[in-house]
């Protein structure tokens, strides 16, 4: 979701199911950690404070934006927090997948974001307290493999089933 209004409407509907609810925002390309609408992460999370949301994530944005999101949401106490970034070059604000503009259509991958570099971002997110990590547009199986290698090496305790959160213990 790209705005507070979208997140609030979706979270209200999802919470009515009495199932665990997570909210994920796509963040601005300027890597500030702001939502694409320009609203702050703090304001977005505050707007949902009266709802039983169990997780907050950032998705489909630059890995650097996910890092900023985690910094800005560090004080929020939820069991699920993290992100899954894309590997594209910055998306122009007026971009359209099927548009006629010069920058429309398929986006190129970032040359500085190979699988090892992406996994390094993921390890930093885990260091910052993320409990959910992954990859979005442009990540491939090799990215997942490198993320797993990082987890196996630096965070093996995360693979211990005693620490896994389930619907019964969230």
C-alpha atoms as a PDB file:
ATOM      1  CA  UNK A   1       0.000   0.000   0.000  1.00  0.00           C
ATOM      2  CA  UNK A   2       1.261   3.450  -0.707  1.00  0.00           C
ATOM      3  CA  UNK A   3      -0.702   5.693   1.678  1.00  0.00           C
ATOM      4  CA  UNK A   4      -2.120   5.859   5.175  1.00  0.00           C
ATOM      5  CA  UNK A   5      -5.678   5.848   3.836  1.00  0.00           C
ATOM      6  CA  UNK A   6      -5.099   2.635   1.845  1.00  0.00           C
ATOM      7  CA  UNK A   7      -3.466   0.938   4.823  1.00  0.00           C
ATOM      8  CA  UNK A   8      -6.202   1.986   7.233  1.00  0.00           C
ATOM      9  CA  UNK A   9      -9.006   0.772   4.957  1.00  0.00           C
ATOM     10  CA  UNK A  10      -7.293  -2.553   4.296  1.00  0.00           C
ATOM     11  CA  UNK A  11      -6.321  -3.105   7.942  1.00  0.00           C
ATOM     12  CA  UNK A  12      -9.838  -2.361   9.178  1.00  0.00           C
ATOM     13  CA  UNK A  13     -11.276  -4.892   6.736  1.00  0.00           C
ATOM     14  CA  UNK A  14      -8.619  -7.491   7.540  1.00  0.00           C
ATOM     15  CA  UNK A  15      -9.012  -7.054  11.299  1.00  0.00           C
ATOM     16  CA  UNK A  16     -12.704  -7.856  11.000  1.00  0.00           C
ATOM     17  CA  UNK A  17     -11.697 -11.436  10.096  1.00  0.00           C
ATOM     18  CA  UNK A  18     -10.171 -11.954  13.561  1.00  0.00           C
ATOM     19  CA  UNK A  19      -7.062 -13.397  11.899  1.00  0.00           C
ATOM     20  CA  UNK A  20      -3.543 -11.998  12.483  1.00  0.00           C
ATOM     21  CA  UNK A  21      -3.031  -8.890  10.347  1.00  0.00           C
ATOM     22  CA  UNK A  22       0.175  -7.476   8.913  1.00  0.00           C
ATOM     23  CA  UNK A  23       0.405  -4.210   6.988  1.00  0.00           C
ATOM     24  CA  UNK A  24       3.060  -3.573   4.360  1.00  0.00           C
ATOM     25  CA  UNK A  25       3.809  -0.316   2.604  1.00  0.00           C
ATOM     26  CA  UNK A  26       5.708   0.418  -0.578  1.00  0.00           C
ATOM     27  CA  UNK A  27       8.131   3.251   0.076  1.00  0.00           C
ATOM     28  CA  UNK A  28       9.252   6.325  -1.824  1.00  0.00           C
ATOM     29  CA  UNK A  29      12.108   6.040  -4.312  1.00  0.00           C
ATOM     30  CA  UNK A  30      14.087   8.790  -2.592  1.00  0.00           C
ATOM     31  CA  UNK A  31      15.016   6.161   0.032  1.00  0.00           C
ATOM     32  CA  UNK A  32      13.870   8.421   2.859  1.00  0.00           C
ATOM     33  CA  UNK A  33      11.674   5.711   4.287  1.00  0.00           C
ATOM     34  CA  UNK A  34       8.536   7.747   3.547  1.00  0.00           C
ATOM     35  CA  UNK A  35       5.511   6.127   1.952  1.00  0.00           C
ATOM     36  CA  UNK A  36       5.049   6.755  -1.771  1.00  0.00           C
ATOM     37  CA  UNK A  37       2.308   9.210  -0.774  1.00  0.00           C
ATOM     38  CA  UNK A  38       4.969  11.250   1.052  1.00  0.00           C
ATOM     39  CA  UNK A  39       3.530  10.431   4.479  1.00  0.00           C
ATOM     40  CA  UNK A  40       5.895   9.352   7.243  1.00  0.00           C
ATOM     41  CA  UNK A  41       6.219   5.811   8.543  1.00  0.00           C
ATOM     42  CA  UNK A  42       5.616   7.129  12.064  1.00  0.00           C
ATOM     43  CA  UNK A  43       2.322   8.732  11.005  1.00  0.00           C
ATOM     44  CA  UNK A  44       1.321   5.593   9.107  1.00  0.00           C
ATOM     45  CA  UNK A  45       1.903   3.332  12.094  1.00  0.00           C
ATOM     46  CA  UNK A  46       0.227   5.806  14.459  1.00  0.00           C
ATOM     47  CA  UNK A  47      -2.866   5.838  12.213  1.00  0.00           C
ATOM     48  CA  UNK A  48      -3.241   2.098  12.858  1.00  0.00           C
ATOM     49  CA  UNK A  49      -2.550   2.189  16.608  1.00  0.00           C
ATOM     50  CA  UNK A  50      -6.170   1.437  17.521  1.00  0.00           C
ATOM     51  CA  UNK A  51      -6.225  -1.736  15.400  1.00  0.00           C
ATOM     52  CA  UNK A  52      -4.804  -5.138  16.404  1.00  0.00           C
ATOM     53  CA  UNK A  53      -2.127  -5.145  13.689  1.00  0.00           C
ATOM     54  CA  UNK A  54       0.615  -7.688  14.504  1.00  0.00           C
ATOM     55  CA  UNK A  55       3.191  -6.780  11.870  1.00  0.00           C
ATOM     56  CA  UNK A  56       4.553  -3.901   9.814  1.00  0.00           C
ATOM     57  CA  UNK A  57       6.673  -4.320   6.705  1.00  0.00           C
ATOM     58  CA  UNK A  58       8.093  -2.383   3.770  1.00  0.00           C
ATOM     59  CA  UNK A  59       7.931  -3.888   0.298  1.00  0.00           C
ATOM     60  CA  UNK A  60       8.614  -3.316  -3.391  1.00  0.00           C
ATOM     61  CA  UNK A  61      11.100  -0.518  -2.841  1.00  0.00           C
ATOM     62  CA  UNK A  62      14.858  -0.081  -2.660  1.00  0.00           C
ATOM     63  CA  UNK A  63      16.656  -2.059   0.072  1.00  0.00           C
ATOM     64  CA  UNK A  64      17.938   1.233   1.480  1.00  0.00           C
ATOM     65  CA  UNK A  65      14.322   2.334   1.995  1.00  0.00           C
ATOM     66  CA  UNK A  66      13.602  -0.875   3.936  1.00  0.00           C
ATOM     67  CA  UNK A  67      16.595  -0.054   6.152  1.00  0.00           C
ATOM     68  CA  UNK A  68      15.197   3.420   6.810  1.00  0.00           C
ATOM     69  CA  UNK A  69      11.766   1.914   7.527  1.00  0.00           C
ATOM     70  CA  UNK A  70      13.305  -0.354  10.161  1.00  0.00           C
ATOM     71  CA  UNK A  71      15.116   2.590  11.759  1.00  0.00           C
ATOM     72  CA  UNK A  72      11.918   4.641  11.834  1.00  0.00           C
ATOM     73  CA  UNK A  73       9.780   1.809  13.221  1.00  0.00           C
ATOM     74  CA  UNK A  74      12.316   0.499  15.758  1.00  0.00           C
ATOM     75  CA  UNK A  75      10.273   1.631  18.768  1.00  0.00           C
ATOM     76  CA  UNK A  76       7.119  -0.126  17.596  1.00  0.00           C
ATOM     77  CA  UNK A  77       6.513  -3.315  19.546  1.00  0.00           C
ATOM     78  CA  UNK A  78       5.080  -5.900  17.155  1.00  0.00           C
ATOM     79  CA  UNK A  79       6.186  -9.502  16.691  1.00  0.00           C
ATOM     80  CA  UNK A  80       6.523  -9.188  12.925  1.00  0.00           C
ATOM     81  CA  UNK A  81       8.588  -6.475  11.308  1.00  0.00           C
ATOM     82  CA  UNK A  82      10.773  -6.406   8.238  1.00  0.00           C
ATOM     83  CA  UNK A  83      10.778  -6.030   4.506  1.00  0.00           C
ATOM     84  CA  UNK A  84      11.262  -7.392   1.058  1.00  0.00           C
ATOM     85  CA  UNK A  85      12.851  -5.066  -1.458  1.00  0.00           C
ATOM     86  CA  UNK A  86      13.108  -5.000  -5.235  1.00  0.00           C
ATOM     87  CA  UNK A  87      16.287  -4.872  -7.311  1.00  0.00           C
ATOM     88  CA  UNK A  88      15.192  -2.295  -9.878  1.00  0.00           C
ATOM     89  CA  UNK A  89      16.726   1.042 -10.691  1.00  0.00           C
ATOM     90  CA  UNK A  90      14.697   3.849  -9.116  1.00  0.00           C
ATOM     91  CA  UNK A  91      11.146   3.968 -10.420  1.00  0.00           C
ATOM     92  CA  UNK A  92      10.251   7.374 -11.907  1.00  0.00           C
ATOM     93  CA  UNK A  93       7.333   9.042 -10.096  1.00  0.00           C
ATOM     94  CA  UNK A  94       5.239   9.186 -13.270  1.00  0.00           C
ATOM     95  CA  UNK A  95       6.157   5.640 -14.366  1.00  0.00           C
ATOM     96  CA  UNK A  96       3.510   3.410 -15.937  1.00  0.00           C
ATOM     97  CA  UNK A  97       4.033  -0.224 -16.884  1.00  0.00           C
ATOM     98  CA  UNK A  98       2.024   0.176 -20.068  1.00  0.00           C
ATOM     99  CA  UNK A  99       2.536   3.914 -20.548  1.00  0.00           C
ATOM    100  CA  UNK A 100       3.897   5.728 -23.553  1.00  0.00           C
ATOM    101  CA  UNK A 101       6.486   7.816 -21.679  1.00  0.00           C
ATOM    102  CA  UNK A 102      10.182   7.447 -22.385  1.00  0.00           C
ATOM    103  CA  UNK A 103      10.816   5.909 -18.943  1.00  0.00           C
ATOM    104  CA  UNK A 104       7.712   3.672 -18.969  1.00  0.00           C
ATOM    105  CA  UNK A 105       7.733  -0.076 -19.426  1.00  0.00           C
ATOM    106  CA  UNK A 106      10.133  -2.621 -17.995  1.00  0.00           C
ATOM    107  CA  UNK A 107      12.673  -1.274 -15.537  1.00  0.00           C
ATOM    108  CA  UNK A 108      16.369  -2.160 -15.546  1.00  0.00           C
ATOM    109  CA  UNK A 109      17.968  -3.961 -12.614  1.00  0.00           C
ATOM    110  CA  UNK A 110      20.434  -2.112 -10.408  1.00  0.00           C
ATOM    111  CA  UNK A 111      23.991  -3.045 -11.298  1.00  0.00           C
ATOM    112  CA  UNK A 112      25.122  -2.614  -7.681  1.00  0.00           C
ATOM    113  CA  UNK A 113      22.570  -5.059  -6.274  1.00  0.00           C
ATOM    114  CA  UNK A 114      23.750  -8.557  -7.125  1.00  0.00           C
ATOM    115  CA  UNK A 115      22.582 -11.470  -4.928  1.00  0.00           C
ATOM    116  CA  UNK A 116      25.466 -11.073  -2.453  1.00  0.00           C
ATOM    117  CA  UNK A 117      24.800  -7.344  -2.059  1.00  0.00           C
ATOM    118  CA  UNK A 118      21.083  -7.948  -1.589  1.00  0.00           C
ATOM    119  CA  UNK A 119      21.818 -10.602   1.053  1.00  0.00           C
ATOM    120  CA  UNK A 120      24.051  -8.092   2.839  1.00  0.00           C
ATOM    121  CA  UNK A 121      21.079  -5.719   3.112  1.00  0.00           C
ATOM    122  CA  UNK A 122      18.954  -8.567   4.462  1.00  0.00           C
ATOM    123  CA  UNK A 123      21.588  -9.382   7.103  1.00  0.00           C
ATOM    124  CA  UNK A 124      21.574  -5.719   8.133  1.00  0.00           C
ATOM    125  CA  UNK A 125      17.775  -5.833   8.455  1.00  0.00           C
ATOM    126  CA  UNK A 126      18.039  -8.874  10.705  1.00  0.00           C
ATOM    127  CA  UNK A 127      20.688  -7.060  12.774  1.00  0.00           C
ATOM    128  CA  UNK A 128      18.204  -4.173  13.075  1.00  0.00           C
ATOM    129  CA  UNK A 129      15.538  -6.484  14.489  1.00  0.00           C
ATOM    130  CA  UNK A 130      13.634  -7.639  11.420  1.00  0.00           C
ATOM    131  CA  UNK A 131      11.670 -10.854  11.904  1.00  0.00           C
ATOM    132  CA  UNK A 132      10.427 -11.122   8.310  1.00  0.00           C
ATOM    133  CA  UNK A 133      12.713 -10.786   5.284  1.00  0.00           C
ATOM    134  CA  UNK A 134      12.521 -11.689   1.628  1.00  0.00           C
ATOM    135  CA  UNK A 135      12.710 -10.427  -1.903  1.00  0.00           C
ATOM    136  CA  UNK A 136      10.257  -8.669  -4.200  1.00  0.00           C
ATOM    137  CA  UNK A 137      10.393  -7.736  -7.876  1.00  0.00           C
ATOM    138  CA  UNK A 138      13.670  -8.601  -9.551  1.00  0.00           C
ATOM    139  CA  UNK A 139      14.920 -10.992  -6.899  1.00  0.00           C
ATOM    140  CA  UNK A 140      15.533 -14.506  -8.123  1.00  0.00           C
ATOM    141  CA  UNK A 141      16.230 -17.914  -6.578  1.00  0.00           C
ATOM    142  CA  UNK A 142      19.924 -17.058  -6.277  1.00  0.00           C
ATOM    143  CA  UNK A 143      18.982 -14.070  -4.082  1.00  0.00           C
ATOM    144  CA  UNK A 144      17.002 -16.417  -1.834  1.00  0.00           C
ATOM    145  CA  UNK A 145      19.956 -18.805  -1.696  1.00  0.00           C
ATOM    146  CA  UNK A 146      22.304 -15.992  -0.648  1.00  0.00           C
ATOM    147  CA  UNK A 147      19.821 -14.762   1.975  1.00  0.00           C
ATOM    148  CA  UNK A 148      19.634 -18.276   3.412  1.00  0.00           C
ATOM    149  CA  UNK A 149      23.436 -18.546   3.471  1.00  0.00           C
ATOM    150  CA  UNK A 150      23.557 -15.312   5.460  1.00  0.00           C
ATOM    151  CA  UNK A 151      20.948 -16.610   7.912  1.00  0.00           C
ATOM    152  CA  UNK A 152      22.741 -19.953   8.265  1.00  0.00           C
ATOM    153  CA  UNK A 153      26.055 -18.193   8.947  1.00  0.00           C
ATOM    154  CA  UNK A 154      25.096 -15.153  11.016  1.00  0.00           C
ATOM    155  CA  UNK A 155      21.677 -15.999  12.463  1.00  0.00           C
ATOM    156  CA  UNK A 156      21.452 -19.793  12.919  1.00  0.00           C
ATOM    157  CA  UNK A 157      19.292 -19.327  16.022  1.00  0.00           C
ATOM    158  CA  UNK A 158      16.528 -18.028  13.744  1.00  0.00           C
ATOM    159  CA  UNK A 159      16.257 -21.521  12.305  1.00  0.00           C
ATOM    160  CA  UNK A 160      15.641 -23.086  15.726  1.00  0.00           C
ATOM    161  CA  UNK A 161      11.976 -24.096  15.793  1.00  0.00           C
ATOM    162  CA  UNK A 162      11.686 -23.032  19.434  1.00  0.00           C
ATOM    163  CA  UNK A 163      11.919 -19.422  18.245  1.00  0.00           C
ATOM    164  CA  UNK A 164       9.426 -19.694  15.385  1.00  0.00           C
ATOM    165  CA  UNK A 165       6.322 -17.637  15.866  1.00  0.00           C
ATOM    166  CA  UNK A 166       3.105 -19.360  14.926  1.00  0.00           C
ATOM    167  CA  UNK A 167      -0.535 -18.255  15.035  1.00  0.00           C
ATOM    168  CA  UNK A 168      -0.666 -19.833  18.514  1.00  0.00           C
ATOM    169  CA  UNK A 169       2.144 -17.750  19.982  1.00  0.00           C
ATOM    170  CA  UNK A 170       1.753 -14.385  18.276  1.00  0.00           C
END
